[in-house]
Amino acid sequence: MLKHLLARGLVALALLAPLESAGAQETASPPQPGAEVAPLPPAPPPSPVRFAPEIAHFAALDAAAPPPTCGFLFVGSSSIRLWHGLAADMAPLPVLNRGFGGARISDVDYYFDQVVTPYRPRAIVFYAGENDLWAGVGAGTVVADFRRFLELKTERLGDTPVYFVSLKPSRQRVSQMPLQAEVNARVRALAAERTDLRYVDVVPAMLDQGAPRDIFVADGLHMTPAGYQIWAGVVRPVLEQDLQSGRACSAAPTVVAGH
């Protein structure tokens, strides 16, 4: 009898062992959908060298027809580059477009001595930062990169004013509007501290009851001519006021070794 009971107990233990093993595997299984997962480390920023062909194209344009100094320089990302009607929208104000598509503020900083310094502009109209946020760059870093732009401007061009066009709302990036608002607020506060910086707010004119207006091409990001007309209606009066101020252009740009 005792041997029989021991045999039955061993069989029961053998049957329980796979169940315990299965339970251990279940607790170690991947998290279910919706469970919190540790974020992946951010990808390193792409090299600014990717824009070398565009920068070389600007140099070729300048060599073929040197632009006059003391104009209004528009610089930044694709929202500037694609402003094809810029000269007509600002006429007769002298303007120069040196936007390059996909640029982050750090890219503009990197090429400062190719896309800003040589032109000795009367003023700089700046638009960038939107691509930075979309790539996961934090608002604090975006503003820090813009501060670096201002440092370079002061080193090379003295008190030349910079007009920062607010980051724009778009259909494609509605989810980023709170982050854009944070950057805009920080730059607005920075402008209150500096005499060489002015914040130009295009956001209210681009919204209809809190949502982006229907002023975008199929990608939902880049603007139609109607969108640029909105920008022109906000930016042009600022530049006209600058021109009417009687302020002279800054002194010749500083010559930087290696450039």
C-alpha atoms as a PDB file:
ATOM      1  CA  MET A   1       0.000   0.000   0.000  1.00  0.00           C
ATOM      2  CA  LEU A   2       2.770   2.459   0.964  1.00  0.00           C
ATOM      3  CA  LYS A   3       4.583   1.814  -2.312  1.00  0.00           C
ATOM      4  CA  HIS A   4       1.362   2.426  -4.196  1.00  0.00           C
ATOM      5  CA  LEU A   5       0.774   5.793  -2.519  1.00  0.00           C
ATOM      6  CA  LEU A   6       4.350   6.892  -3.170  1.00  0.00           C
ATOM      7  CA  ALA A   7       4.013   6.010  -6.823  1.00  0.00           C
ATOM      8  CA  ARG A   8       0.806   8.054  -7.151  1.00  0.00           C
ATOM      9  CA  GLY A   9       2.524  11.058  -5.500  1.00  0.00           C
ATOM     10  CA  LEU A  10       5.432  10.947  -7.923  1.00  0.00           C
ATOM     11  CA  VAL A  11       3.048  10.863 -10.857  1.00  0.00           C
ATOM     12  CA  ALA A  12       1.178  13.925  -9.523  1.00  0.00           C
ATOM     13  CA  LEU A  13       4.430  15.870  -9.112  1.00  0.00           C
ATOM     14  CA  ALA A  14       5.429  15.000 -12.634  1.00  0.00           C
ATOM     15  CA  LEU A  15       2.118  16.322 -13.957  1.00  0.00           C
ATOM     16  CA  LEU A  16       2.426  19.602 -12.007  1.00  0.00           C
ATOM     17  CA  ALA A  17       5.956  20.352 -13.199  1.00  0.00           C
ATOM     18  CA  PRO A  18       4.984  21.355 -16.774  1.00  0.00           C
ATOM     19  CA  LEU A  19       2.228  23.617 -15.406  1.00  0.00           C
ATOM     20  CA  GLU A  20       4.668  25.445 -13.162  1.00  0.00           C
ATOM     21  CA  SER A  21       7.112  25.800 -16.057  1.00  0.00           C
ATOM     22  CA  ALA A  22       4.372  27.176 -18.286  1.00  0.00           C
ATOM     23  CA  GLY A  23       3.393  29.680 -15.609  1.00  0.00           C
ATOM     24  CA  ALA A  24       7.002  30.870 -15.336  1.00  0.00           C
ATOM     25  CA  GLN A  25       7.162  31.376 -19.106  1.00  0.00           C
ATOM     26  CA  GLU A  26       3.909  33.352 -19.086  1.00  0.00           C
ATOM     27  CA  THR A  27       5.194  35.850 -16.524  1.00  0.00           C
ATOM     28  CA  ALA A  28       8.294  36.420 -18.693  1.00  0.00           C
ATOM     29  CA  SER A  29       6.363  36.923 -21.940  1.00  0.00           C
ATOM     30  CA  PRO A  30       6.442  40.279 -23.822  1.00  0.00           C
ATOM     31  CA  PRO A  31       4.112  43.014 -22.538  1.00  0.00           C
ATOM     32  CA  GLN A  32       0.604  43.082 -23.939  1.00  0.00           C
ATOM     33  CA  PRO A  33      -0.492  45.866 -26.346  1.00  0.00           C
ATOM     34  CA  GLY A  34      -0.971  49.113 -24.472  1.00  0.00           C
ATOM     35  CA  ALA A  35       1.494  48.211 -21.721  1.00  0.00           C
ATOM     36  CA  GLU A  36       4.199  50.770 -20.894  1.00  0.00           C
ATOM     37  CA  VAL A  37       7.433  50.098 -22.786  1.00  0.00           C
ATOM     38  CA  ALA A  38      10.779  51.776 -22.192  1.00  0.00           C
ATOM     39  CA  PRO A  39      11.403  54.302 -25.007  1.00  0.00           C
ATOM     40  CA  LEU A  40      14.140  53.686 -27.516  1.00  0.00           C
ATOM     41  CA  PRO A  41      17.147  56.010 -27.313  1.00  0.00           C
ATOM     42  CA  PRO A  42      16.844  58.973 -29.722  1.00  0.00           C
ATOM     43  CA  ALA A  43      18.506  58.562 -33.085  1.00  0.00           C
ATOM     44  CA  PRO A  44      21.577  60.746 -33.686  1.00  0.00           C
ATOM     45  CA  PRO A  45      20.834  63.861 -35.744  1.00  0.00           C
ATOM     46  CA  PRO A  46      21.552  63.563 -39.454  1.00  0.00           C
ATOM     47  CA  SER A  47      24.695  65.218 -40.717  1.00  0.00           C
ATOM     48  CA  PRO A  48      24.271  68.753 -42.099  1.00  0.00           C
ATOM     49  CA  VAL A  49      26.528  67.664 -44.963  1.00  0.00           C
ATOM     50  CA  ARG A  50      23.360  66.284 -46.595  1.00  0.00           C
ATOM     51  CA  PHE A  51      22.623  69.865 -47.657  1.00  0.00           C
ATOM     52  CA  ALA A  52      26.013  70.427 -49.320  1.00  0.00           C
ATOM     53  CA  PRO A  53      24.559  70.343 -52.887  1.00  0.00           C
ATOM     54  CA  GLU A  54      21.979  73.027 -52.028  1.00  0.00           C
ATOM     55  CA  ILE A  55      24.612  75.203 -50.385  1.00  0.00           C
ATOM     56  CA  ALA A  56      26.862  74.788 -53.414  1.00  0.00           C
ATOM     57  CA  HIS A  57      23.935  75.840 -55.612  1.00  0.00           C
ATOM     58  CA  PHE A  58      23.574  79.058 -53.597  1.00  0.00           C
ATOM     59  CA  ALA A  59      27.282  79.754 -54.123  1.00  0.00           C
ATOM     60  CA  ALA A  60      26.873  79.217 -57.866  1.00  0.00           C
ATOM     61  CA  LEU A  61      23.938  81.620 -57.971  1.00  0.00           C
ATOM     62  CA  ASP A  62      25.952  84.240 -56.111  1.00  0.00           C
ATOM     63  CA  ALA A  63      28.895  83.825 -58.458  1.00  0.00           C
ATOM     64  CA  ALA A  64      26.677  84.239 -61.511  1.00  0.00           C
ATOM     65  CA  ALA A  65      24.777  87.246 -60.154  1.00  0.00           C
ATOM     66  CA  PRO A  66      26.027  88.625 -56.844  1.00  0.00           C
ATOM     67  CA  PRO A  67      23.000  89.747 -54.793  1.00  0.00           C
ATOM     68  CA  PRO A  68      23.038  93.300 -53.442  1.00  0.00           C
ATOM     69  CA  THR A  69      23.798  93.801 -49.783  1.00  0.00           C
ATOM     70  CA  CYS A  70      21.422  95.496 -47.349  1.00  0.00           C
ATOM     71  CA  GLY A  71      18.375  93.523 -48.415  1.00  0.00           C
ATOM     72  CA  PHE A  72      16.000  91.406 -46.382  1.00  0.00           C
ATOM     73  CA  LEU A  73      17.376  87.877 -46.114  1.00  0.00           C
ATOM     74  CA  PHE A  74      14.852  85.050 -45.726  1.00  0.00           C
ATOM     75  CA  VAL A  75      16.527  81.949 -44.317  1.00  0.00           C
ATOM     76  CA  GLY A  76      15.393  78.649 -42.828  1.00  0.00           C
ATOM     77  CA  SER A  77      13.616  75.487 -43.879  1.00  0.00           C
ATOM     78  CA  SER A  78      11.249  74.489 -46.692  1.00  0.00           C
ATOM     79  CA  SER A  79       8.528  76.974 -45.721  1.00  0.00           C
ATOM     80  CA  ILE A  80      11.040  79.618 -46.808  1.00  0.00           C
ATOM     81  CA  ARG A  81      12.476  77.678 -49.738  1.00  0.00           C
ATOM     82  CA  LEU A  82       9.040  77.079 -51.256  1.00  0.00           C
ATOM     83  CA  TRP A  83       7.976  80.704 -51.030  1.00  0.00           C
ATOM     84  CA  HIS A  84       8.259  81.019 -54.800  1.00  0.00           C
ATOM     85  CA  GLY A  85       6.342  84.283 -54.913  1.00  0.00           C
ATOM     86  CA  LEU A  86       8.482  85.934 -52.232  1.00  0.00           C
ATOM     87  CA  ALA A  87       9.939  88.660 -54.458  1.00  0.00           C
ATOM     88  CA  ALA A  88       6.504  89.595 -55.827  1.00  0.00           C
ATOM     89  CA  ASP A  89       4.859  89.424 -52.388  1.00  0.00           C
ATOM     90  CA  MET A  90       7.459  91.803 -50.931  1.00  0.00           C
ATOM     91  CA  ALA A  91       8.064  94.088 -53.957  1.00  0.00           C
ATOM     92  CA  PRO A  92       9.577  96.593 -54.119  1.00  0.00           C
ATOM     93  CA  LEU A  93      11.395  95.572 -50.929  1.00  0.00           C
ATOM     94  CA  PRO A  94      14.734  93.896 -51.781  1.00  0.00           C
ATOM     95  CA  VAL A  95      14.614  90.266 -50.654  1.00  0.00           C
ATOM     96  CA  LEU A  96      16.772  87.175 -50.991  1.00  0.00           C
ATOM     97  CA  ASN A  97      15.598  83.592 -50.392  1.00  0.00           C
ATOM     98  CA  ARG A  98      18.111  81.214 -48.860  1.00  0.00           C
ATOM     99  CA  GLY A  99      15.849  78.540 -47.401  1.00  0.00           C
ATOM    100  CA  PHE A 100      16.768  74.880 -47.807  1.00  0.00           C
ATOM    101  CA  GLY A 101      14.196  72.124 -47.437  1.00  0.00           C
ATOM    102  CA  GLY A 102      14.222  69.864 -44.389  1.00  0.00           C
ATOM    103  CA  ALA A 103      16.618  72.090 -42.471  1.00  0.00           C
ATOM    104  CA  ARG A 104      16.710  72.184 -38.712  1.00  0.00           C
ATOM    105  CA  ILE A 105      17.946  75.217 -36.807  1.00  0.00           C
ATOM    106  CA  SER A 106      21.231  73.424 -36.152  1.00  0.00           C
ATOM    107  CA  ASP A 107      21.680  73.051 -39.924  1.00  0.00           C
ATOM    108  CA  VAL A 108      21.198  76.781 -40.442  1.00  0.00           C
ATOM    109  CA  ASP A 109      23.750  77.375 -37.680  1.00  0.00           C
ATOM    110  CA  TYR A 110      26.202  75.022 -39.382  1.00  0.00           C
ATOM    111  CA  TYR A 111      25.953  76.877 -42.698  1.00  0.00           C
ATOM    112  CA  PHE A 112      25.657  80.355 -41.229  1.00  0.00           C
ATOM    113  CA  ASP A 113      28.752  81.620 -43.014  1.00  0.00           C
ATOM    114  CA  GLN A 114      27.407  80.399 -46.350  1.00  0.00           C
ATOM    115  CA  VAL A 115      23.714  81.384 -46.134  1.00  0.00           C
ATOM    116  CA  VAL A 116      23.788  84.501 -43.931  1.00  0.00           C
ATOM    117  CA  THR A 117      27.153  86.189 -43.410  1.00  0.00           C
ATOM    118  CA  PRO A 118      28.088  86.954 -47.052  1.00  0.00           C
ATOM    119  CA  TYR A 119      24.912  88.917 -47.767  1.00  0.00           C
ATOM    120  CA  ARG A 120      25.298  91.588 -45.095  1.00  0.00           C
ATOM    121  CA  PRO A 121      21.503  91.842 -44.857  1.00  0.00           C
ATOM    122  CA  ARG A 122      19.560  94.771 -43.550  1.00  0.00           C
ATOM    123  CA  ALA A 123      17.500  92.259 -41.541  1.00  0.00           C
ATOM    124  CA  ILE A 124      17.005  88.510 -41.361  1.00  0.00           C
ATOM    125  CA  VAL A 125      13.611  86.807 -41.595  1.00  0.00           C
ATOM    126  CA  PHE A 126      14.018  83.409 -39.935  1.00  0.00           C
ATOM    127  CA  TYR A 127      11.800  80.333 -40.097  1.00  0.00           C
ATOM    128  CA  ALA A 128      12.947  76.956 -38.756  1.00  0.00           C
ATOM    129  CA  GLY A 129      12.354  74.686 -35.787  1.00  0.00           C
ATOM    130  CA  GLU A 130       9.297  72.814 -36.999  1.00  0.00           C
ATOM    131  CA  ASN A 131      11.378  69.957 -38.455  1.00  0.00           C
ATOM    132  CA  ASP A 132      13.362  69.782 -35.230  1.00  0.00           C
ATOM    133  CA  LEU A 133      10.280  69.093 -33.129  1.00  0.00           C
ATOM    134  CA  TRP A 134       8.964  66.559 -35.646  1.00  0.00           C
ATOM    135  CA  ALA A 135      12.264  64.662 -35.360  1.00  0.00           C
ATOM    136  CA  GLY A 136      11.888  64.467 -31.576  1.00  0.00           C
ATOM    137  CA  VAL A 137      14.147  67.355 -30.571  1.00  0.00           C
ATOM    138  CA  GLY A 138      12.926  68.935 -27.338  1.00  0.00           C
ATOM    139  CA  ALA A 139      11.625  72.492 -27.187  1.00  0.00           C
ATOM    140  CA  GLY A 140      14.507  73.512 -24.940  1.00  0.00           C
ATOM    141  CA  THR A 141      17.076  72.300 -27.462  1.00  0.00           C
ATOM    142  CA  VAL A 142      15.245  74.012 -30.316  1.00  0.00           C
ATOM    143  CA  VAL A 143      15.403  77.343 -28.500  1.00  0.00           C
ATOM    144  CA  ALA A 144      19.037  76.742 -27.516  1.00  0.00           C
ATOM    145  CA  ASP A 145      19.905  76.176 -31.185  1.00  0.00           C
ATOM    146  CA  PHE A 146      18.142  79.412 -32.072  1.00  0.00           C
ATOM    147  CA  ARG A 147      20.119  81.212 -29.361  1.00  0.00           C
ATOM    148  CA  ARG A 148      23.228  79.901 -31.075  1.00  0.00           C
ATOM    149  CA  PHE A 149      21.967  81.398 -34.347  1.00  0.00           C
ATOM    150  CA  LEU A 150      21.655  84.751 -32.590  1.00  0.00           C
ATOM    151  CA  GLU A 151      25.168  84.417 -31.158  1.00  0.00           C
ATOM    152  CA  LEU A 152      26.557  83.798 -34.640  1.00  0.00           C
ATOM    153  CA  LYS A 153      24.571  86.730 -35.978  1.00  0.00           C
ATOM    154  CA  THR A 154      25.979  89.058 -33.298  1.00  0.00           C
ATOM    155  CA  GLU A 155      29.535  87.826 -33.897  1.00  0.00           C
ATOM    156  CA  ARG A 156      29.323  88.247 -37.661  1.00  0.00           C
ATOM    157  CA  LEU A 157      26.751  90.997 -38.227  1.00  0.00           C
ATOM    158  CA  GLY A 158      26.457  92.997 -35.034  1.00  0.00           C
ATOM    159  CA  ASP A 159      23.005  94.355 -34.213  1.00  0.00           C
ATOM    160  CA  THR A 160      21.355  93.298 -37.493  1.00  0.00           C
ATOM    161  CA  PRO A 161      17.735  92.550 -36.492  1.00  0.00           C
ATOM    162  CA  VAL A 162      16.227  89.077 -36.741  1.00  0.00           C
ATOM    163  CA  TYR A 163      12.508  88.557 -37.341  1.00  0.00           C
ATOM    164  CA  PHE A 164      11.497  85.112 -36.083  1.00  0.00           C
ATOM    165  CA  VAL A 165       8.360  83.849 -37.848  1.00  0.00           C
ATOM    166  CA  SER A 166       6.390  81.711 -35.389  1.00  0.00           C
ATOM    167  CA  LEU A 167       6.228  77.972 -35.958  1.00  0.00           C
ATOM    168  CA  LYS A 168       3.158  77.392 -38.064  1.00  0.00           C
ATOM    169  CA  PRO A 169       0.175  75.103 -37.420  1.00  0.00           C
ATOM    170  CA  SER A 170      -0.475  72.583 -40.201  1.00  0.00           C
ATOM    171  CA  ARG A 171      -2.851  69.712 -40.885  1.00  0.00           C
ATOM    172  CA  GLN A 172      -0.040  67.158 -40.881  1.00  0.00           C
ATOM    173  CA  ARG A 173       1.384  68.247 -37.528  1.00  0.00           C
ATOM    174  CA  VAL A 174      -1.675  69.150 -35.488  1.00  0.00           C
ATOM    175  CA  SER A 175      -0.417  66.895 -32.689  1.00  0.00           C
ATOM    176  CA  GLN A 176       2.662  69.111 -32.409  1.00  0.00           C
ATOM    177  CA  MET A 177       0.807  72.364 -31.867  1.00  0.00           C
ATOM    178  CA  PRO A 178       1.390  72.339 -28.065  1.00  0.00           C
ATOM    179  CA  LEU A 179       5.140  71.868 -28.575  1.00  0.00           C
ATOM    180  CA  GLN A 180       5.167  74.549 -31.266  1.00  0.00           C
ATOM    181  CA  ALA A 181       3.357  76.885 -28.877  1.00  0.00           C
ATOM    182  CA  GLU A 182       6.022  76.218 -26.249  1.00  0.00           C
ATOM    183  CA  VAL A 183       8.832  77.126 -28.635  1.00  0.00           C
ATOM    184  CA  ASN A 184       6.936  80.187 -29.832  1.00  0.00           C
ATOM    185  CA  ALA A 185       6.352  81.361 -26.256  1.00  0.00           C
ATOM    186  CA  ARG A 186      10.027  80.959 -25.389  1.00  0.00           C
ATOM    187  CA  VAL A 187      11.158  82.895 -28.452  1.00  0.00           C
ATOM    188  CA  ARG A 188       8.585  85.612 -27.740  1.00  0.00           C
ATOM    189  CA  ALA A 189      10.016  85.918 -24.221  1.00  0.00           C
ATOM    190  CA  LEU A 190      13.533  86.031 -25.639  1.00  0.00           C
ATOM    191  CA  ALA A 191      12.491  88.825 -28.004  1.00  0.00           C
ATOM    192  CA  ALA A 192      11.297  90.843 -25.015  1.00  0.00           C
ATOM    193  CA  GLU A 193      14.861  90.711 -23.680  1.00  0.00           C
ATOM    194  CA  ARG A 194      16.695  91.654 -26.875  1.00  0.00           C
ATOM    195  CA  THR A 195      16.574  94.715 -29.091  1.00  0.00           C
ATOM    196  CA  ASP A 196      17.777  92.759 -32.137  1.00  0.00           C
ATOM    197  CA  LEU A 197      14.991  90.150 -32.141  1.00  0.00           C
ATOM    198  CA  ARG A 198      11.320  90.470 -33.005  1.00  0.00           C
ATOM    199  CA  TYR A 199       8.729  87.717 -32.837  1.00  0.00           C
ATOM    200  CA  VAL A 200       6.369  87.709 -35.852  1.00  0.00           C
ATOM    201  CA  ASP A 201       3.205  85.761 -35.056  1.00  0.00           C
ATOM    202  CA  VAL A 202       1.525  84.129 -38.065  1.00  0.00           C
ATOM    203  CA  VAL A 203      -0.383  81.551 -35.997  1.00  0.00           C
ATOM    204  CA  PRO A 204      -3.699  83.411 -35.400  1.00  0.00           C
ATOM    205  CA  ALA A 205      -4.115  84.218 -39.096  1.00  0.00           C
ATOM    206  CA  MET A 206      -3.536  80.563 -40.013  1.00  0.00           C
ATOM    207  CA  LEU A 207      -6.253  79.178 -37.732  1.00  0.00           C
ATOM    208  CA  ASP A 208     -10.009  78.948 -38.111  1.00  0.00           C
ATOM    209  CA  GLN A 209     -11.774  78.196 -34.820  1.00  0.00           C
ATOM    210  CA  GLY A 210      -8.570  76.715 -33.457  1.00  0.00           C
ATOM    211  CA  ALA A 211      -7.847  74.414 -36.418  1.00  0.00           C
ATOM    212  CA  PRO A 212      -5.436  74.985 -39.331  1.00  0.00           C
ATOM    213  CA  ARG A 213      -7.095  76.628 -42.338  1.00  0.00           C
ATOM    214  CA  ASP A 214      -7.372  74.837 -45.661  1.00  0.00           C
ATOM    215  CA  ILE A 215      -4.191  76.423 -47.041  1.00  0.00           C
ATOM    216  CA  PHE A 216      -1.997  73.364 -47.528  1.00  0.00           C
ATOM    217  CA  VAL A 217      -1.036  71.189 -50.459  1.00  0.00           C
ATOM    218  CA  ALA A 218      -1.697  67.443 -50.485  1.00  0.00           C
ATOM    219  CA  ASP A 219       0.980  66.638 -47.902  1.00  0.00           C
ATOM    220  CA  GLY A 220      -0.838  68.747 -45.322  1.00  0.00           C
ATOM    221  CA  LEU A 221       2.418  70.475 -44.387  1.00  0.00           C
ATOM    222  CA  HIS A 222       3.530  72.854 -47.095  1.00  0.00           C
ATOM    223  CA  MET A 223       1.429  75.878 -47.965  1.00  0.00           C
ATOM    224  CA  THR A 224      -0.502  76.854 -51.063  1.00  0.00           C
ATOM    225  CA  PRO A 225      -0.183  80.398 -52.452  1.00  0.00           C
ATOM    226  CA  ALA A 226      -3.145  81.288 -50.201  1.00  0.00           C
ATOM    227  CA  GLY A 227      -1.052  80.320 -47.189  1.00  0.00           C
ATOM    228  CA  TYR A 228       1.820  82.478 -48.361  1.00  0.00           C
ATOM    229  CA  GLN A 229      -0.570  85.374 -48.853  1.00  0.00           C
ATOM    230  CA  ILE A 230      -1.391  85.076 -45.167  1.00  0.00           C
ATOM    231  CA  TRP A 231       2.290  85.151 -44.326  1.00  0.00           C
ATOM    232  CA  ALA A 232       2.874  88.112 -46.619  1.00  0.00           C
ATOM    233  CA  GLY A 233       0.072  90.027 -44.914  1.00  0.00           C
ATOM    234  CA  VAL A 234       1.798  89.583 -41.552  1.00  0.00           C
ATOM    235  CA  VAL A 235       5.479  89.807 -42.534  1.00  0.00           C
ATOM    236  CA  ARG A 236       5.433  92.604 -45.107  1.00  0.00           C
ATOM    237  CA  PRO A 237       4.209  95.363 -42.735  1.00  0.00           C
ATOM    238  CA  VAL A 238       7.003  94.435 -40.326  1.00  0.00           C
ATOM    239  CA  LEU A 239       9.637  94.851 -43.036  1.00  0.00           C
ATOM    240  CA  GLU A 240       8.091  98.074 -44.303  1.00  0.00           C
ATOM    241  CA  GLN A 241       8.249  99.450 -40.775  1.00  0.00           C
ATOM    242  CA  ASP A 242      11.899  98.408 -40.595  1.00  0.00           C
ATOM    243  CA  LEU A 243      12.662 100.166 -43.876  1.00  0.00           C
ATOM    244  CA  GLN A 244      10.873 103.322 -42.776  1.00  0.00           C
ATOM    245  CA  SER A 245      12.777 103.445 -39.485  1.00  0.00           C
ATOM    246  CA  GLY A 246      15.764 105.102 -41.112  1.00  0.00           C
ATOM    247  CA  ARG A 247      18.095 102.562 -39.543  1.00  0.00           C
ATOM    248  CA  ALA A 248      21.286 102.030 -41.502  1.00  0.00           C
ATOM    249  CA  CYS A 249      22.606  98.599 -42.379  1.00  0.00           C
ATOM    250  CA  SER A 250      25.153  97.069 -40.026  1.00  0.00           C
ATOM    251  CA  ALA A 251      28.867  97.272 -40.716  1.00  0.00           C
ATOM    252  CA  ALA A 252      30.547  94.829 -43.070  1.00  0.00           C
ATOM    253  CA  PRO A 253      30.508  91.245 -41.850  1.00  0.00           C
ATOM    254  CA  THR A 254      33.358  89.918 -39.769  1.00  0.00           C
ATOM    255  CA  VAL A 255      35.836  87.842 -41.733  1.00  0.00           C
ATOM    256  CA  VAL A 256      35.957  84.387 -40.183  1.00  0.00           C
ATOM    257  CA  ALA A 257      39.067  82.265 -40.535  1.00  0.00           C
ATOM    258  CA  GLY A 258      38.520  79.265 -42.760  1.00  0.00           C
ATOM    259  CA  HIS A 259      35.450  80.687 -44.511  1.00  0.00           C
END
